[in-house]
Protein backbone atom coordinates (compact mmCIF):
# COMPACT_ATOMS: atom_id res chain seq x y z
CA MET A 1 -163.42 -127.57 53.91
CA HIS A 2 -163.28 -126.52 50.26
CA ILE A 3 -161.57 -123.16 49.71
CA GLN A 4 -164.65 -121.77 47.95
CA ASP A 5 -166.69 -122.45 51.08
CA ILE A 6 -163.99 -120.88 53.26
CA PHE A 7 -164.14 -117.64 51.27
CA ALA A 8 -167.94 -117.73 51.39
CA GLN A 9 -167.88 -117.99 55.20
CA HIS A 10 -165.04 -115.55 55.99
CA ARG A 11 -164.86 -112.00 54.74
CA THR A 12 -161.19 -112.07 55.78
CA THR A 13 -159.17 -115.29 55.98
CA PHE A 14 -156.19 -115.96 58.23
CA SER A 15 -153.89 -118.85 57.35
CA PHE A 16 -150.51 -120.29 58.29
CA GLU A 17 -147.80 -121.94 56.22
CA PHE A 18 -145.38 -124.67 57.32
CA PHE A 19 -142.62 -126.61 55.61
CA PRO A 20 -142.18 -130.40 55.94
CA PRO A 21 -139.64 -131.50 58.56
CA LYS A 22 -136.57 -133.48 57.60
CA THR A 23 -136.70 -135.99 60.48
CA ASP A 24 -139.39 -137.89 62.37
CA ALA A 25 -138.49 -136.11 65.61
CA ALA A 26 -138.81 -132.71 63.97
CA GLY A 27 -142.08 -133.89 62.49
CA GLU A 28 -143.55 -134.62 65.90
CA GLU A 29 -142.40 -131.22 67.20
CA LEU A 30 -143.94 -129.46 64.21
CA PHE A 31 -147.22 -131.34 64.52
CA THR A 32 -147.43 -130.21 68.15
CA THR A 33 -146.95 -126.59 66.99
CA ILE A 34 -149.62 -126.96 64.33
CA ALA A 35 -152.08 -128.59 66.70
CA ALA A 36 -151.54 -125.79 69.24
CA LEU A 37 -152.55 -123.21 66.64
CA GLN A 38 -156.02 -124.74 66.48
CA THR A 39 -157.01 -122.35 69.28
CA LEU A 40 -156.61 -119.47 66.81
CA HIS A 41 -159.08 -121.14 64.43
CA PRO A 42 -157.19 -120.32 61.21
CA SER A 43 -159.16 -120.50 57.99
CA PHE A 44 -156.64 -123.07 56.75
CA VAL A 45 -153.01 -124.14 57.02
CA SER A 46 -150.71 -125.02 54.13
CA VAL A 47 -147.65 -127.24 53.79
CA THR A 48 -144.87 -126.52 51.30
CA TYR A 49 -143.49 -129.02 48.85
CA GLY A 50 -139.94 -129.69 47.69
CA ALA A 51 -138.84 -131.34 44.49
CA GLY A 52 -136.91 -134.08 46.30
CA GLY A 53 -138.53 -137.46 46.91
CA SER A 54 -138.26 -137.67 50.70
CA THR A 55 -139.48 -134.09 51.15
CA ARG A 56 -142.45 -134.77 48.92
CA ASP A 57 -143.42 -137.81 50.97
CA ARG A 58 -143.22 -135.84 54.20
CA THR A 59 -145.50 -133.16 52.74
CA HIS A 60 -148.06 -135.80 51.81
CA ASP A 61 -147.85 -137.49 55.21
CA LEU A 62 -148.13 -134.23 57.15
CA VAL A 63 -151.09 -132.94 55.15
CA VAL A 64 -152.98 -136.21 55.60
CA ARG A 65 -152.19 -136.27 59.33
CA ILE A 66 -153.47 -132.72 59.77
CA GLU A 67 -156.68 -133.72 58.04
CA ARG A 68 -157.13 -136.82 60.17
CA GLU A 69 -155.97 -135.66 63.60
CA THR A 70 -156.92 -131.97 63.84
CA ASN A 71 -159.93 -129.80 63.05
CA LEU A 72 -157.85 -127.73 60.61
CA THR A 73 -158.29 -127.48 56.86
CA ALA A 74 -155.03 -128.46 55.16
CA VAL A 75 -153.86 -127.11 51.80
CA SER A 76 -151.05 -129.03 50.11
CA HIS A 77 -148.54 -127.33 47.85
CA LEU A 78 -147.87 -129.19 44.61
CA THR A 79 -145.23 -128.32 42.02
CA CYS A 80 -144.68 -129.19 38.38
CA VAL A 81 -141.02 -130.12 38.89
CA CYS A 82 -139.90 -133.77 38.82
CA HIS A 83 -143.32 -135.26 38.14
CA SER A 84 -144.77 -137.49 35.48
CA ARG A 85 -148.47 -137.45 34.72
CA ASP A 86 -148.94 -140.82 36.42
CA GLU A 87 -147.25 -139.51 39.58
CA MET A 88 -149.56 -136.52 39.63
CA ILE A 89 -152.57 -138.77 39.27
CA ALA A 90 -151.40 -140.95 42.16
CA ILE A 91 -150.84 -137.92 44.42
CA LEU A 92 -154.22 -136.36 43.66
CA ASP A 93 -156.02 -139.68 44.03
CA ARG A 94 -154.41 -140.17 47.45
CA TYR A 95 -155.51 -136.71 48.52
CA ALA A 96 -159.04 -137.29 47.28
CA THR A 97 -159.23 -140.56 49.21
CA SER A 98 -157.84 -138.86 52.34
CA GLY A 99 -160.29 -135.95 52.19
CA ILE A 100 -157.77 -133.29 51.15
CA GLU A 101 -159.80 -130.77 49.18
CA ASN A 102 -157.35 -127.98 48.36
CA ILE A 103 -154.08 -127.65 46.42
CA LEU A 104 -151.71 -124.72 45.89
CA ALA A 105 -150.41 -125.25 42.35
CA LEU A 106 -146.88 -123.97 41.69
CA GLY A 107 -144.31 -124.12 38.92
CA GLY A 108 -141.57 -124.94 41.43
CA ASP A 109 -137.78 -124.92 41.28
CA PRO A 110 -135.59 -127.91 40.35
CA PRO A 111 -133.71 -129.58 43.22
CA LYS A 112 -130.51 -127.82 44.17
CA ASN A 113 -127.30 -129.31 42.77
CA SER A 114 -129.38 -131.25 40.26
CA ALA A 115 -129.18 -131.51 36.50
CA HIS A 116 -132.89 -132.27 36.23
CA ASP A 117 -134.28 -131.95 32.70
CA ARG A 118 -137.51 -129.95 32.83
CA GLU A 119 -138.49 -131.37 29.46
CA LYS A 120 -139.19 -134.65 31.25
CA ASP A 121 -141.81 -133.07 33.50
CA ALA A 122 -145.44 -133.62 32.54
CA PHE A 123 -146.18 -129.94 33.19
CA ARG A 124 -143.84 -127.03 32.62
CA TYR A 125 -145.98 -124.17 33.89
CA ALA A 126 -148.38 -123.71 36.78
CA ASN A 127 -151.37 -122.97 34.52
CA GLU A 128 -150.96 -126.45 33.01
CA LEU A 129 -150.95 -127.98 36.48
CA VAL A 130 -154.05 -125.98 37.48
CA ASP A 131 -155.87 -127.24 34.43
CA PHE A 132 -154.87 -130.84 35.20
CA ILE A 133 -155.92 -130.60 38.87
CA ARG A 134 -159.26 -129.25 37.73
CA SER A 135 -159.71 -132.31 35.53
CA ARG A 136 -159.34 -134.73 38.45
CA PRO A 137 -162.12 -135.77 40.82
CA GLY A 138 -161.66 -134.42 44.33
CA PRO A 139 -163.18 -135.69 47.56
CA ASN A 140 -166.94 -135.88 48.05
CA GLY A 141 -167.61 -135.81 44.33
CA ARG A 142 -166.38 -132.22 44.09
CA GLY A 143 -163.31 -130.93 42.29
CA PHE A 144 -160.28 -129.68 44.20
CA GLY A 145 -159.99 -126.09 45.32
CA VAL A 146 -156.91 -124.56 43.67
CA GLY A 147 -154.70 -121.65 44.63
CA VAL A 148 -151.76 -120.10 42.76
CA ALA A 149 -148.87 -117.79 43.64
CA GLY A 150 -148.67 -114.05 43.03
CA PHE A 151 -145.70 -111.69 43.29
CA PRO A 152 -146.38 -108.13 44.52
CA GLU A 153 -142.78 -107.10 43.82
CA GLY A 154 -142.70 -108.84 40.45
CA HIS A 155 -141.99 -112.43 39.45
CA PRO A 156 -138.24 -113.12 39.65
CA GLY A 157 -138.36 -115.08 36.40
CA CYS A 158 -140.26 -112.43 34.43
CA PRO A 159 -138.82 -108.92 34.45
CA ASN A 160 -141.55 -107.70 32.09
CA ARG A 161 -144.42 -106.91 34.46
CA LEU A 162 -146.96 -106.67 31.65
CA GLN A 163 -146.15 -110.22 30.56
CA GLU A 164 -146.16 -111.30 34.21
CA MET A 165 -149.83 -110.37 34.52
CA ASP A 166 -150.60 -112.26 31.31
CA HIS A 167 -149.03 -115.37 32.85
CA LEU A 168 -151.01 -114.91 36.06
CA LYS A 169 -154.25 -114.45 34.09
CA ARG A 170 -153.63 -117.79 32.36
CA LYS A 171 -153.46 -119.49 35.75
CA ILE A 172 -156.75 -117.90 36.78
CA ASP A 173 -158.41 -118.76 33.48
CA ALA A 174 -157.27 -122.38 33.94
CA GLY A 175 -159.44 -122.53 37.04
CA ALA A 176 -157.57 -121.11 40.06
CA ASP A 177 -159.82 -120.02 42.93
CA TYR A 178 -157.47 -117.57 44.63
CA ILE A 179 -153.99 -116.03 44.69
CA CYS A 180 -151.58 -116.27 47.63
CA THR A 181 -148.74 -113.78 47.36
CA GLN A 182 -145.06 -114.04 48.06
CA LEU A 183 -143.92 -112.20 51.20
CA PHE A 184 -143.43 -108.44 51.02
CA PHE A 185 -142.65 -105.66 53.49
CA ASP A 186 -144.18 -102.59 51.82
CA ASN A 187 -147.96 -102.65 51.46
CA ARG A 188 -147.79 -100.28 48.52
CA ASP A 189 -146.43 -103.18 46.48
CA LEU A 190 -149.48 -105.28 47.36
CA TYR A 191 -151.96 -102.51 46.54
CA ASP A 192 -150.24 -101.90 43.19
CA PHE A 193 -150.37 -105.64 42.49
CA ARG A 194 -154.08 -105.74 43.36
CA GLU A 195 -154.77 -102.90 40.95
CA ARG A 196 -152.78 -104.66 38.22
CA CYS A 197 -154.87 -107.77 38.77
CA ASP A 198 -158.06 -105.73 38.46
CA LEU A 199 -156.84 -104.17 35.21
CA ALA A 200 -156.03 -107.64 33.87
CA GLY A 201 -159.53 -108.88 34.65
CA ILE A 202 -158.41 -111.04 37.57
CA LYS A 203 -161.25 -111.07 40.10
CA VAL A 204 -160.38 -113.96 42.44
CA PRO A 205 -159.51 -113.32 46.13
CA ILE A 206 -155.93 -112.20 46.84
CA ILE A 207 -154.31 -113.36 50.09
CA ALA A 208 -151.32 -111.33 51.30
CA GLY A 209 -148.21 -113.24 52.40
CA ILE A 210 -146.61 -111.92 55.61
CA MET A 211 -143.38 -113.11 57.24
CA PRO A 212 -142.28 -111.21 60.36
CA VAL A 213 -138.56 -110.57 60.81
CA THR A 214 -137.37 -112.27 64.03
CA THR A 215 -133.57 -112.35 63.65
CA LYS A 216 -130.95 -110.44 61.67
CA ALA A 217 -129.74 -113.63 59.99
CA GLY A 218 -133.34 -114.59 59.25
CA MET A 219 -133.92 -111.28 57.49
CA VAL A 220 -131.10 -112.08 55.07
CA ARG A 221 -132.55 -115.55 54.47
CA MET A 222 -135.95 -114.02 53.79
CA ALA A 223 -134.49 -111.94 50.99
CA ASP A 224 -133.07 -115.14 49.50
CA LEU A 225 -136.32 -117.07 49.93
CA ALA A 226 -138.31 -114.35 48.26
CA ALA A 227 -135.81 -114.00 45.41
CA GLY A 228 -134.66 -110.55 46.46
CA ALA A 229 -137.52 -109.19 48.56
CA ARG A 230 -137.25 -105.45 49.03
CA ILE A 231 -136.70 -104.62 52.69
CA PRO A 232 -137.56 -100.95 53.30
CA ALA A 233 -134.79 -98.72 54.64
CA LYS A 234 -136.99 -97.80 57.60
CA LEU A 235 -137.14 -101.46 58.65
CA LEU A 236 -133.41 -101.93 58.05
CA LYS A 237 -132.65 -98.93 60.26
CA ALA A 238 -134.88 -100.23 63.03
CA VAL A 239 -133.23 -103.65 62.93
CA SER A 240 -129.74 -102.10 62.86
CA ARG A 241 -130.46 -100.37 66.18
CA CYS A 242 -131.28 -103.66 67.89
CA ALA A 243 -128.75 -105.02 70.37
CA ASP A 244 -129.84 -108.63 69.99
CA ASP A 245 -132.35 -110.88 68.25
CA THR A 246 -134.88 -110.47 71.06
CA ALA A 247 -135.08 -106.81 70.13
CA VAL A 248 -135.13 -107.69 66.43
CA ALA A 249 -138.16 -109.90 67.01
CA ARG A 250 -140.00 -107.07 68.75
CA VAL A 251 -139.28 -104.77 65.81
CA GLY A 252 -140.29 -107.40 63.27
CA ILE A 253 -143.53 -108.27 65.01
CA SER A 254 -144.40 -104.58 65.36
CA TRP A 255 -143.71 -104.02 61.65
CA ALA A 256 -145.80 -107.03 60.62
CA THR A 257 -148.63 -105.95 62.94
CA GLU A 258 -148.73 -102.52 61.30
CA GLN A 259 -148.69 -104.16 57.88
CA CYS A 260 -151.59 -106.42 58.79
CA ALA A 261 -153.63 -103.63 60.38
CA ASP A 262 -153.22 -101.51 57.25
CA LEU A 263 -154.11 -104.47 55.00
CA LEU A 264 -157.27 -105.12 57.00
CA HIS A 265 -158.17 -101.42 56.82
CA ASN A 266 -157.81 -101.63 53.05
CA ASN A 267 -160.04 -104.69 52.77
CA ILE A 268 -157.48 -107.34 51.90
CA ARG A 269 -159.25 -110.66 51.37
CA GLY A 270 -156.87 -112.67 53.52
CA ILE A 271 -153.54 -112.75 55.35
CA HIS A 272 -151.20 -115.74 55.08
CA PHE A 273 -148.45 -116.05 57.68
CA TYR A 274 -145.18 -117.69 56.70
CA THR A 275 -144.46 -119.18 60.14
CA LEU A 276 -141.07 -120.86 59.57
CA ASN A 277 -142.63 -123.69 61.64
CA LYS A 278 -142.95 -121.53 64.76
CA SER A 279 -146.07 -120.10 66.36
CA ASP A 280 -144.90 -117.37 68.75
CA ALA A 281 -144.71 -114.48 66.28
CA THR A 282 -148.06 -115.34 64.71
CA ARG A 283 -149.75 -115.48 68.11
CA LEU A 284 -148.30 -112.10 69.11
CA ILE A 285 -149.45 -110.48 65.87
CA TYR A 286 -152.94 -111.86 66.45
CA GLN A 287 -152.94 -110.37 69.95
CA ASN A 288 -151.64 -107.02 68.69
CA LEU A 289 -154.40 -106.89 66.07
CA GLY A 290 -157.04 -107.74 68.63
CA VAL A 291 -158.12 -110.73 66.54
CA GLU A 292 -158.76 -113.71 68.75
CA SER A 293 -159.40 -115.96 65.75
CA SER A 294 -160.63 -115.92 62.17
CA VAL A 295 -164.06 -116.78 63.58
CA ALA A 296 -164.30 -113.12 64.50
CA LEU A 297 -164.23 -112.16 60.83
CA ARG A 298 -167.14 -114.13 59.44
CA ALA A 299 -168.87 -113.03 56.28
CA GLY A 300 -172.23 -111.36 56.53
């Protein structure tokens, strides 16, 4: 389903994010996890995208398989890094042929331990990629739905927050349909970001990115993944009192549940769960919220 139709049908969207597995065996395990989440009827699921060749292929394969073998709507991440214009055309044409209607357009990071020359990339910035995706024919004679990233705590590559909003506005003006935010742990950052968007004339739906803490080591990795995500002292204290990771998971799920409940109370347009390829925490948060599925939050 096209993302514009999803927003038209759901006053609040719920979505899950996965990353492509590195092996065939892991791929089968992940697909089983994704298929099992069909019972929650998410608005869509998304698959991340690395700059390396094998990772890119696994993203493409997984997205197409989701489209063909489940009743889920798949959104594929796509980055500017390490791509020529012809490669982008081939990827988008394959998606159009396979019925993939939605893309999350990102600037992306170069491969680790690589001396990749960004000047060789066809597109340097995400707004250029959004514009290009918009120029390509999507499935069913309709253009692709396009999402872009937002950063409630500030973009790590742009310390000037006024300029940051100018950059985001360019992505929206290029044709983006919605914003999906980086993970955050303090809802005040999201509400401030939403107000900044409004002041900048950005009116598209904003989906809040949530990643529950489930282990102490995972919390440290989250900060790295989110380029220095601020973890509130209250959450740090709660985690520090935990005797083991089972207790940490309970704390993290409780924190994420409270975040989500507050976001829903404040009319957030959608919640996007960074699952780390696992379903347990997401299911428990759903149960805690009393939301059996996104079907319960239809528009109208």
